[in-house]
N, C-alpha and C. Protein backbone atom coordinates (compact mmCIF):
# COMPACT_ATOMS: atom_id res chain seq x y z
N MET A 1 0.84 -1.18 0.00
CA MET A 1 0.00 0.00 0.00
C MET A 1 0.89 1.24 0.00
N TYR A 2 0.53 2.20 -0.85
CA TYR A 2 1.25 3.46 -0.86
C TYR A 2 0.27 4.61 -1.01
N ALA A 3 0.76 5.82 -0.75
CA ALA A 3 -0.09 7.01 -0.85
C ALA A 3 0.75 8.16 -1.38
N ILE A 4 0.07 9.09 -2.03
CA ILE A 4 0.70 10.34 -2.42
C ILE A 4 0.12 11.40 -1.51
N VAL A 5 1.00 12.04 -0.74
CA VAL A 5 0.57 12.95 0.30
C VAL A 5 1.38 14.25 0.22
N GLU A 6 0.76 15.35 0.63
CA GLU A 6 1.46 16.63 0.65
C GLU A 6 2.02 16.85 2.05
N ILE A 7 3.33 17.05 2.12
CA ILE A 7 4.02 17.29 3.38
C ILE A 7 4.87 18.54 3.20
N ALA A 8 4.60 19.56 3.99
CA ALA A 8 5.37 20.81 3.99
C ALA A 8 5.44 21.43 2.60
N GLY A 9 4.33 21.40 1.86
CA GLY A 9 4.28 22.04 0.56
C GLY A 9 4.79 21.21 -0.60
N GLN A 10 5.25 20.00 -0.36
CA GLN A 10 5.75 19.13 -1.42
C GLN A 10 4.95 17.83 -1.39
N GLN A 11 4.86 17.17 -2.56
CA GLN A 11 4.14 15.91 -2.65
C GLN A 11 5.14 14.76 -2.64
N PHE A 12 4.83 13.73 -1.85
CA PHE A 12 5.70 12.57 -1.71
C PHE A 12 4.88 11.30 -1.91
N LYS A 13 5.52 10.30 -2.50
CA LYS A 13 4.94 8.96 -2.57
C LYS A 13 5.51 8.20 -1.38
N VAL A 14 4.64 7.80 -0.45
CA VAL A 14 5.11 7.18 0.78
C VAL A 14 4.46 5.81 0.97
N ALA A 15 5.17 4.96 1.69
CA ALA A 15 4.67 3.63 2.07
C ALA A 15 4.99 3.42 3.55
N LYS A 16 4.39 2.42 4.13
CA LYS A 16 4.60 2.13 5.55
C LYS A 16 6.07 1.76 5.80
N ASP A 17 6.62 2.22 6.91
CA ASP A 17 7.99 1.98 7.36
C ASP A 17 9.04 2.60 6.42
N GLN A 18 8.68 3.66 5.73
CA GLN A 18 9.61 4.35 4.84
C GLN A 18 10.11 5.61 5.54
N LYS A 19 11.42 5.92 5.36
CA LYS A 19 11.99 7.15 5.90
C LYS A 19 12.01 8.20 4.80
N VAL A 20 11.56 9.40 5.14
CA VAL A 20 11.46 10.49 4.17
C VAL A 20 12.09 11.74 4.77
N TYR A 21 12.87 12.46 3.97
CA TYR A 21 13.44 13.74 4.38
C TYR A 21 12.57 14.85 3.79
N VAL A 22 12.01 15.70 4.66
CA VAL A 22 11.13 16.78 4.23
C VAL A 22 11.66 18.10 4.79
N TYR A 23 11.10 19.22 4.31
CA TYR A 23 11.45 20.52 4.88
C TYR A 23 11.12 20.52 6.37
N ARG A 24 11.79 21.35 7.13
CA ARG A 24 11.70 21.37 8.59
C ARG A 24 10.25 21.45 9.06
N LEU A 25 9.85 20.53 9.93
CA LEU A 25 8.51 20.49 10.50
C LEU A 25 8.56 20.96 11.95
N GLN A 26 7.44 21.51 12.41
CA GLN A 26 7.31 21.88 13.81
C GLN A 26 7.05 20.61 14.60
N GLY A 27 7.68 20.47 15.71
CA GLY A 27 7.49 19.27 16.54
C GLY A 27 8.83 18.75 17.02
N ASP A 28 8.81 18.12 18.19
CA ASP A 28 10.04 17.60 18.78
C ASP A 28 10.36 16.23 18.21
N GLU A 29 11.63 15.83 18.37
CA GLU A 29 12.05 14.50 17.94
C GLU A 29 11.30 13.46 18.77
N GLY A 30 10.78 12.45 18.11
CA GLY A 30 10.02 11.41 18.78
C GLY A 30 8.52 11.68 18.80
N SER A 31 8.10 12.88 18.42
CA SER A 31 6.67 13.18 18.42
C SER A 31 6.01 12.63 17.16
N SER A 32 4.70 12.53 17.21
CA SER A 32 3.94 11.98 16.10
C SER A 32 3.25 13.12 15.35
N VAL A 33 3.24 13.03 14.02
CA VAL A 33 2.57 14.04 13.20
C VAL A 33 1.60 13.33 12.25
N SER A 34 0.56 14.06 11.84
CA SER A 34 -0.44 13.49 10.94
C SER A 34 -0.59 14.41 9.74
N PHE A 35 -0.73 13.83 8.54
CA PHE A 35 -0.91 14.59 7.31
C PHE A 35 -2.25 14.21 6.70
N ASP A 36 -3.10 15.22 6.48
CA ASP A 36 -4.46 14.97 5.99
C ASP A 36 -4.62 15.18 4.50
N LYS A 37 -3.68 15.83 3.85
CA LYS A 37 -3.80 16.07 2.41
C LYS A 37 -3.29 14.86 1.64
N VAL A 38 -4.10 13.82 1.56
CA VAL A 38 -3.77 12.60 0.83
C VAL A 38 -4.47 12.68 -0.52
N TYR A 39 -3.70 12.66 -1.59
CA TYR A 39 -4.25 12.83 -2.93
C TYR A 39 -4.55 11.51 -3.63
N LEU A 40 -3.84 10.43 -3.27
CA LEU A 40 -4.03 9.14 -3.93
C LEU A 40 -3.71 8.03 -2.94
N LEU A 41 -4.50 6.98 -2.97
CA LEU A 41 -4.24 5.78 -2.16
C LEU A 41 -4.29 4.58 -3.07
N ASP A 42 -3.34 3.67 -2.89
CA ASP A 42 -3.32 2.43 -3.67
C ASP A 42 -3.07 1.29 -2.70
N ASP A 43 -4.01 0.34 -2.63
CA ASP A 43 -3.84 -0.79 -1.72
C ASP A 43 -3.52 -2.08 -2.47
N GLY A 44 -3.14 -1.99 -3.72
CA GLY A 44 -2.79 -3.17 -4.49
C GLY A 44 -3.90 -3.65 -5.40
N THR A 45 -5.15 -3.50 -4.96
CA THR A 45 -6.27 -3.95 -5.78
C THR A 45 -7.04 -2.79 -6.39
N GLN A 46 -7.14 -1.68 -5.66
CA GLN A 46 -7.87 -0.54 -6.20
C GLN A 46 -7.13 0.76 -5.89
N VAL A 47 -7.35 1.73 -6.75
CA VAL A 47 -6.73 3.04 -6.59
C VAL A 47 -7.83 4.03 -6.24
N THR A 48 -7.62 4.83 -5.19
CA THR A 48 -8.58 5.83 -4.78
C THR A 48 -7.98 7.20 -5.03
N LEU A 49 -8.71 8.03 -5.78
CA LEU A 49 -8.26 9.38 -6.09
C LEU A 49 -9.07 10.39 -5.32
N GLY A 50 -8.46 11.49 -4.98
CA GLY A 50 -9.17 12.57 -4.33
C GLY A 50 -9.46 13.68 -5.31
N ALA A 51 -10.37 14.57 -4.91
CA ALA A 51 -10.68 15.69 -5.78
C ALA A 51 -10.72 16.96 -4.94
N PRO A 52 -9.68 17.61 -4.55
CA PRO A 52 -8.29 17.26 -4.77
C PRO A 52 -7.74 16.29 -3.73
N ALA A 53 -8.30 16.28 -2.51
CA ALA A 53 -7.79 15.37 -1.49
C ALA A 53 -8.88 14.38 -1.08
N ILE A 54 -8.46 13.24 -0.55
CA ILE A 54 -9.40 12.22 -0.10
C ILE A 54 -9.84 12.59 1.31
N THR A 55 -11.15 12.74 1.49
CA THR A 55 -11.66 13.13 2.80
C THR A 55 -11.58 11.96 3.75
N GLY A 56 -11.07 12.21 4.93
CA GLY A 56 -10.98 11.17 5.96
C GLY A 56 -9.70 10.35 5.92
N ALA A 57 -8.95 10.42 4.85
CA ALA A 57 -7.70 9.66 4.77
C ALA A 57 -6.58 10.46 5.43
N SER A 58 -5.63 9.74 6.03
CA SER A 58 -4.51 10.42 6.67
C SER A 58 -3.30 9.51 6.71
N VAL A 59 -2.16 10.14 6.88
CA VAL A 59 -0.89 9.43 6.99
C VAL A 59 -0.28 9.82 8.33
N GLU A 60 0.04 8.82 9.14
CA GLU A 60 0.65 9.06 10.45
C GLU A 60 2.15 8.83 10.33
N ALA A 61 2.93 9.74 10.92
CA ALA A 61 4.39 9.63 10.86
C ALA A 61 4.99 10.03 12.20
N LYS A 62 6.24 9.62 12.40
CA LYS A 62 6.98 9.93 13.62
C LYS A 62 8.20 10.73 13.24
N VAL A 63 8.46 11.83 13.95
CA VAL A 63 9.64 12.65 13.69
C VAL A 63 10.85 11.93 14.27
N VAL A 64 11.78 11.53 13.41
CA VAL A 64 12.97 10.81 13.87
C VAL A 64 14.01 11.80 14.36
N LYS A 65 14.37 12.78 13.51
CA LYS A 65 15.34 13.79 13.93
C LYS A 65 15.30 15.00 13.01
N HIS A 66 15.81 16.11 13.50
CA HIS A 66 15.98 17.32 12.71
C HIS A 66 17.45 17.40 12.32
N LEU A 67 17.72 17.79 11.09
CA LEU A 67 19.09 17.85 10.60
C LEU A 67 19.21 18.90 9.51
N LYS A 68 20.42 19.09 9.02
CA LYS A 68 20.66 19.98 7.91
C LYS A 68 21.11 19.17 6.71
N GLY A 69 20.69 19.60 5.52
CA GLY A 69 21.04 18.91 4.30
C GLY A 69 22.45 19.27 3.86
N ASP A 70 22.83 18.78 2.67
CA ASP A 70 24.14 19.08 2.12
C ASP A 70 24.25 20.56 1.78
N LYS A 71 25.48 21.06 1.77
CA LYS A 71 25.72 22.46 1.46
C LYS A 71 25.49 22.70 -0.02
N VAL A 72 24.79 23.77 -0.33
CA VAL A 72 24.54 24.18 -1.70
C VAL A 72 25.32 25.47 -1.93
N ILE A 73 26.20 25.47 -2.94
CA ILE A 73 27.00 26.64 -3.26
C ILE A 73 26.32 27.42 -4.39
N VAL A 74 26.15 28.72 -4.18
CA VAL A 74 25.60 29.60 -5.21
C VAL A 74 26.73 30.54 -5.61
N PHE A 75 27.20 30.44 -6.86
CA PHE A 75 28.31 31.26 -7.35
C PHE A 75 27.82 32.09 -8.52
N LYS A 76 27.96 33.41 -8.39
CA LYS A 76 27.54 34.32 -9.45
C LYS A 76 28.76 35.01 -10.01
N LYS A 77 28.78 35.18 -11.34
CA LYS A 77 29.92 35.82 -11.98
C LYS A 77 29.44 36.54 -13.23
N LYS A 78 30.01 37.72 -13.47
CA LYS A 78 29.79 38.44 -14.72
C LYS A 78 31.15 38.58 -15.38
N ARG A 79 31.27 38.02 -16.54
CA ARG A 79 32.58 38.02 -17.18
C ARG A 79 33.01 39.42 -17.58
N ARG A 80 34.30 39.63 -17.53
CA ARG A 80 34.98 40.88 -17.90
C ARG A 80 34.59 42.06 -17.02
N LYS A 81 33.94 41.83 -15.90
CA LYS A 81 33.53 42.93 -15.03
C LYS A 81 34.19 42.83 -13.65
N GLY A 82 34.81 41.72 -13.35
CA GLY A 82 35.42 41.54 -12.04
C GLY A 82 34.40 41.26 -10.95
N TYR A 83 33.20 40.84 -11.32
CA TYR A 83 32.13 40.59 -10.36
C TYR A 83 32.06 39.10 -10.07
N ARG A 84 32.34 38.75 -8.83
CA ARG A 84 32.22 37.35 -8.39
C ARG A 84 31.66 37.34 -6.98
N VAL A 85 30.58 36.58 -6.77
CA VAL A 85 29.97 36.46 -5.45
C VAL A 85 29.77 34.98 -5.16
N LYS A 86 30.28 34.54 -4.04
CA LYS A 86 30.09 33.15 -3.61
C LYS A 86 29.21 33.16 -2.37
N ASN A 87 28.14 32.38 -2.45
CA ASN A 87 27.20 32.31 -1.35
C ASN A 87 26.74 30.86 -1.25
N GLY A 88 26.20 30.48 -0.13
CA GLY A 88 25.70 29.12 0.02
C GLY A 88 24.82 28.99 1.24
N HIS A 89 24.20 27.82 1.35
CA HIS A 89 23.37 27.56 2.52
C HIS A 89 23.19 26.06 2.70
N ARG A 90 22.70 25.69 3.86
CA ARG A 90 22.32 24.30 4.14
C ARG A 90 20.85 24.31 4.54
N GLN A 91 20.05 23.51 3.85
CA GLN A 91 18.61 23.47 4.08
C GLN A 91 18.31 22.72 5.38
N SER A 92 17.39 23.25 6.17
CA SER A 92 16.95 22.58 7.39
C SER A 92 15.93 21.51 7.02
N LEU A 93 16.19 20.27 7.41
CA LEU A 93 15.34 19.14 7.07
C LEU A 93 14.86 18.42 8.31
N THR A 94 13.83 17.61 8.13
CA THR A 94 13.33 16.73 9.18
C THR A 94 13.22 15.33 8.59
N GLU A 95 13.76 14.35 9.30
CA GLU A 95 13.62 12.96 8.87
C GLU A 95 12.40 12.38 9.58
N ILE A 96 11.44 11.84 8.79
CA ILE A 96 10.25 11.25 9.38
C ILE A 96 10.15 9.79 8.96
N LEU A 97 9.50 9.00 9.82
CA LEU A 97 9.24 7.58 9.55
C LEU A 97 7.73 7.39 9.43
N ILE A 98 7.29 6.90 8.29
CA ILE A 98 5.87 6.69 8.05
C ILE A 98 5.42 5.48 8.86
N GLN A 99 4.45 5.68 9.76
CA GLN A 99 3.99 4.59 10.62
C GLN A 99 2.75 3.91 10.07
N SER A 100 1.80 4.68 9.56
CA SER A 100 0.58 4.06 9.06
C SER A 100 -0.09 4.95 8.02
N ILE A 101 -0.85 4.29 7.15
CA ILE A 101 -1.65 4.98 6.15
C ILE A 101 -3.09 4.51 6.34
N SER A 102 -3.98 5.42 6.71
CA SER A 102 -5.37 5.03 6.94
C SER A 102 -6.23 5.60 5.82
N ALA A 103 -7.20 4.79 5.36
CA ALA A 103 -8.04 5.15 4.23
C ALA A 103 -9.49 5.32 4.64
N LYS A 104 -9.74 5.79 5.84
CA LYS A 104 -11.12 5.97 6.30
C LYS A 104 -11.81 7.01 5.43
N GLY A 105 -12.99 6.70 4.97
CA GLY A 105 -13.77 7.66 4.21
C GLY A 105 -13.37 7.79 2.75
N GLY A 106 -12.47 6.99 2.28
CA GLY A 106 -12.08 7.07 0.88
C GLY A 106 -13.19 6.52 0.01
N SER A 107 -13.88 7.39 -0.73
CA SER A 107 -15.04 6.94 -1.50
C SER A 107 -14.85 7.08 -3.00
N LYS A 108 -13.98 7.96 -3.44
CA LYS A 108 -13.81 8.14 -4.88
C LYS A 108 -12.87 7.09 -5.43
N LYS A 109 -13.33 6.41 -6.43
CA LYS A 109 -12.51 5.38 -7.09
C LYS A 109 -12.03 5.92 -8.42
N ALA A 110 -10.91 5.44 -8.86
CA ALA A 110 -10.40 5.84 -10.17
C ALA A 110 -11.29 5.22 -11.24
N ALA A 111 -11.72 6.03 -12.16
CA ALA A 111 -12.59 5.54 -13.22
C ALA A 111 -11.79 4.69 -14.19
N PRO A 112 -12.36 3.58 -14.67
CA PRO A 112 -11.63 2.77 -15.64
C PRO A 112 -11.48 3.56 -16.94
N LYS A 113 -10.39 3.33 -17.61
CA LYS A 113 -10.12 4.05 -18.85
C LYS A 113 -11.09 3.61 -19.93
N LYS A 114 -11.67 4.61 -20.59
CA LYS A 114 -12.60 4.32 -21.67
C LYS A 114 -11.84 4.31 -22.99
N GLU A 115 -12.25 3.40 -23.85
CA GLU A 115 -11.63 3.35 -25.16
C GLU A 115 -12.25 4.42 -26.04
N ALA A 116 -11.42 5.15 -26.74
CA ALA A 116 -11.91 6.22 -27.60
C ALA A 116 -12.55 5.62 -28.85
N ALA A 117 -13.75 6.09 -29.16
CA ALA A 117 -14.44 5.61 -30.35
C ALA A 117 -13.78 6.22 -31.58
N PRO A 118 -13.58 5.45 -32.63
CA PRO A 118 -12.94 6.02 -33.82
C PRO A 118 -13.85 7.06 -34.44
N LYS A 119 -13.27 8.20 -34.77
CA LYS A 119 -14.05 9.30 -35.32
C LYS A 119 -14.08 9.17 -36.84
N ALA A 120 -15.25 9.47 -37.39
CA ALA A 120 -15.39 9.44 -38.85
C ALA A 120 -14.74 10.69 -39.42
N LYS A 121 -13.90 10.51 -40.40
CA LYS A 121 -13.18 11.62 -41.00
C LYS A 121 -13.94 12.10 -42.23
N ALA A 122 -14.14 13.40 -42.29
CA ALA A 122 -14.81 14.00 -43.45
C ALA A 122 -13.78 14.15 -44.56
N PRO A 123 -14.14 13.79 -45.79
CA PRO A 123 -13.18 13.92 -46.89
C PRO A 123 -12.93 15.39 -47.19
N LYS A 124 -11.67 15.74 -47.39
CA LYS A 124 -11.30 17.11 -47.71
C LYS A 124 -10.77 17.14 -49.13
N ALA A 125 -11.39 17.96 -49.95
CA ALA A 125 -11.00 18.03 -51.36
C ALA A 125 -9.81 18.95 -51.56
N ALA A 126 -9.71 20.03 -50.77
CA ALA A 126 -8.66 21.02 -50.98
C ALA A 126 -7.33 20.59 -50.36
N ALA A 127 -7.37 19.76 -49.33
CA ALA A 127 -6.14 19.40 -48.63
C ALA A 127 -5.16 18.62 -49.52
N PRO A 128 -5.57 17.60 -50.27
CA PRO A 128 -4.59 16.90 -51.08
C PRO A 128 -3.97 17.79 -52.16
N LYS A 129 -4.77 18.72 -52.71
CA LYS A 129 -4.25 19.60 -53.74
C LYS A 129 -3.17 20.51 -53.17
N ALA A 130 -3.42 21.10 -51.98
CA ALA A 130 -2.44 21.98 -51.35
C ALA A 130 -1.21 21.18 -50.93
N GLU A 131 -1.42 19.95 -50.52
CA GLU A 131 -0.30 19.10 -50.10
C GLU A 131 0.58 18.76 -51.30
N ASP A 132 -0.02 18.48 -52.45
CA ASP A 132 0.75 18.17 -53.64
C ASP A 132 1.54 19.38 -54.11
N LEU A 133 0.95 20.58 -54.02
CA LEU A 133 1.63 21.79 -54.47
C LEU A 133 2.81 22.14 -53.57
N SER A 134 2.70 21.86 -52.30
CA SER A 134 3.80 22.20 -51.39
C SER A 134 5.02 21.31 -51.63
N LYS A 135 4.81 20.16 -52.22
CA LYS A 135 5.93 19.26 -52.49
C LYS A 135 6.65 19.60 -53.78
N LYS A 136 6.05 20.46 -54.59
CA LYS A 136 6.66 20.81 -55.88
C LYS A 136 7.68 21.93 -55.69
N THR A 137 8.59 22.03 -56.65
CA THR A 137 9.61 23.09 -56.61
C THR A 137 9.01 24.38 -57.15
N VAL A 138 9.74 25.49 -56.96
CA VAL A 138 9.26 26.79 -57.41
C VAL A 138 9.14 26.83 -58.93
N SER A 139 10.10 26.23 -59.62
CA SER A 139 10.04 26.25 -61.09
C SER A 139 8.84 25.45 -61.60
N GLU A 140 8.51 24.32 -60.96
CA GLU A 140 7.33 23.56 -61.36
C GLU A 140 6.06 24.35 -61.10
N LEU A 141 6.03 25.09 -59.96
CA LEU A 141 4.87 25.90 -59.65
C LEU A 141 4.71 27.04 -60.66
N LYS A 142 5.83 27.62 -61.10
CA LYS A 142 5.77 28.70 -62.10
C LYS A 142 5.25 28.17 -63.43
N ASP A 143 5.64 26.95 -63.79
CA ASP A 143 5.13 26.35 -65.03
C ASP A 143 3.62 26.14 -64.94
N LEU A 144 3.13 25.66 -63.78
CA LEU A 144 1.69 25.48 -63.60
C LEU A 144 0.96 26.81 -63.67
N ALA A 145 1.57 27.87 -63.10
CA ALA A 145 0.95 29.19 -63.12
C ALA A 145 0.88 29.74 -64.53
N LYS A 146 1.94 29.51 -65.34
CA LYS A 146 1.94 29.94 -66.75
C LYS A 146 0.83 29.23 -67.51
N ALA A 147 0.65 27.94 -67.21
CA ALA A 147 -0.38 27.17 -67.90
C ALA A 147 -1.78 27.67 -67.55
N LYS A 148 -1.96 28.16 -66.31
CA LYS A 148 -3.26 28.69 -65.91
C LYS A 148 -3.45 30.14 -66.36
N GLY A 149 -2.38 30.80 -66.80
CA GLY A 149 -2.47 32.18 -67.27
C GLY A 149 -2.36 33.21 -66.16
N ILE A 150 -1.67 32.88 -65.07
CA ILE A 150 -1.48 33.81 -63.96
C ILE A 150 -0.32 34.72 -64.32
N THR A 151 -0.52 36.04 -64.11
CA THR A 151 0.53 37.00 -64.45
C THR A 151 1.30 37.43 -63.21
N GLY A 152 2.51 37.93 -63.40
CA GLY A 152 3.35 38.43 -62.30
C GLY A 152 3.99 37.34 -61.49
N ILE A 153 4.24 36.19 -62.08
CA ILE A 153 4.77 35.05 -61.32
C ILE A 153 6.26 35.17 -61.06
N SER A 154 6.95 36.05 -61.79
CA SER A 154 8.40 36.15 -61.60
C SER A 154 8.75 36.75 -60.24
N ALA A 155 7.87 37.58 -59.68
CA ALA A 155 8.13 38.20 -58.38
C ALA A 155 7.52 37.41 -57.22
N MET A 156 6.80 36.37 -57.49
CA MET A 156 6.12 35.60 -56.44
C MET A 156 7.05 34.60 -55.78
N LYS A 157 6.81 34.41 -54.49
CA LYS A 157 7.52 33.37 -53.75
C LYS A 157 6.68 32.11 -53.78
N LYS A 158 7.21 31.04 -53.20
CA LYS A 158 6.55 29.74 -53.27
C LYS A 158 5.15 29.79 -52.64
N ALA A 159 5.05 30.42 -51.47
CA ALA A 159 3.76 30.49 -50.78
C ALA A 159 2.74 31.28 -51.59
N ASP A 160 3.21 32.37 -52.24
CA ASP A 160 2.31 33.16 -53.07
C ASP A 160 1.85 32.38 -54.29
N LEU A 161 2.76 31.60 -54.87
CA LEU A 161 2.40 30.77 -56.03
C LEU A 161 1.34 29.73 -55.66
N ILE A 162 1.53 29.10 -54.51
CA ILE A 162 0.57 28.07 -54.05
C ILE A 162 -0.79 28.71 -53.81
N ALA A 163 -0.79 29.90 -53.20
CA ALA A 163 -2.06 30.60 -52.94
C ALA A 163 -2.75 30.99 -54.24
N ALA A 164 -1.97 31.44 -55.23
CA ALA A 164 -2.56 31.84 -56.50
C ALA A 164 -3.10 30.63 -57.25
N LEU A 165 -2.40 29.49 -57.18
CA LEU A 165 -2.87 28.30 -57.86
C LEU A 165 -4.10 27.70 -57.20
N ASN A 166 -4.22 27.82 -55.90
CA ASN A 166 -5.39 27.29 -55.19
C ASN A 166 -6.61 28.18 -55.35
N ALA A 167 -6.40 29.45 -55.68
CA ALA A 167 -7.53 30.38 -55.81
C ALA A 167 -8.31 30.17 -57.08
């Protein structure tokens, strides 16, 4: 069984007895926390979706410890200006252990996928003609325009020739 839950503004896929590092949470080490914004539950046989969250579902977790993440270096530079700034930080994190996932009140089920009915295509008379003209070279298009009696073809580009022939 797993769930997709929002913890401290981020969404995580969690399962029972899994350790997760999240942004710093309020609460002492060893305390228990509960998360109510459960967006999806999967118990192996059925998937329950929320709209946006599943009412009554929750994830219980235990705060294992508070710690800091790896150092992130932010280096800014503008070439040929002598501007260089080095800055960095360490993100405050909380390690939590997922203890249980409860699905009380989960009523929305994922709808089975419907097969799309094939759509009837209307025949288009102009499309094949325009498609054939776009594959021709400019000189071939000019020859066709001369045969139709179109004037001023020497200054026309390919798109103009195609438009004149289709008109």
